[in-house]
């Protein structure tokens, strides 16, 4: 047990990479993995929602979840939808061909170590 007033942090990065919660393929993209009911949106896993469960919580849980969560997700959806509509996107050197562990770092939030290099090709 923790004493009253003790600060405690649960790292979403570690939670999202826990083999006990996700299985042996925890570091693989697997859209066919077994989703929990709270991660399922009318038969469409994680579909246009702010998903959270005991194993997936990128913005932690209410009532003290990230107050910028909805804005961040709306902003990301708008930017990404515009980019995917206007451009074909692919990884570019020096990022192209690297494994996730070589590209990424966890500094409180998960992100690229030295930038993420991509090429955008304008769609016609």
Foldseek 3Di string as FASTA:
>chain_A
DDDPPDDDDDQLVVLQQDCVVFNPCSVPDDPPGDDDPQQQDVNRGVPPDQGDDPRHHLQHDPPPGDPCVVVVVVVVVVVVVVQVVFWDKDFDPPQPPDDPVQQWDCPSHIDGPPDTHMDTDTDD
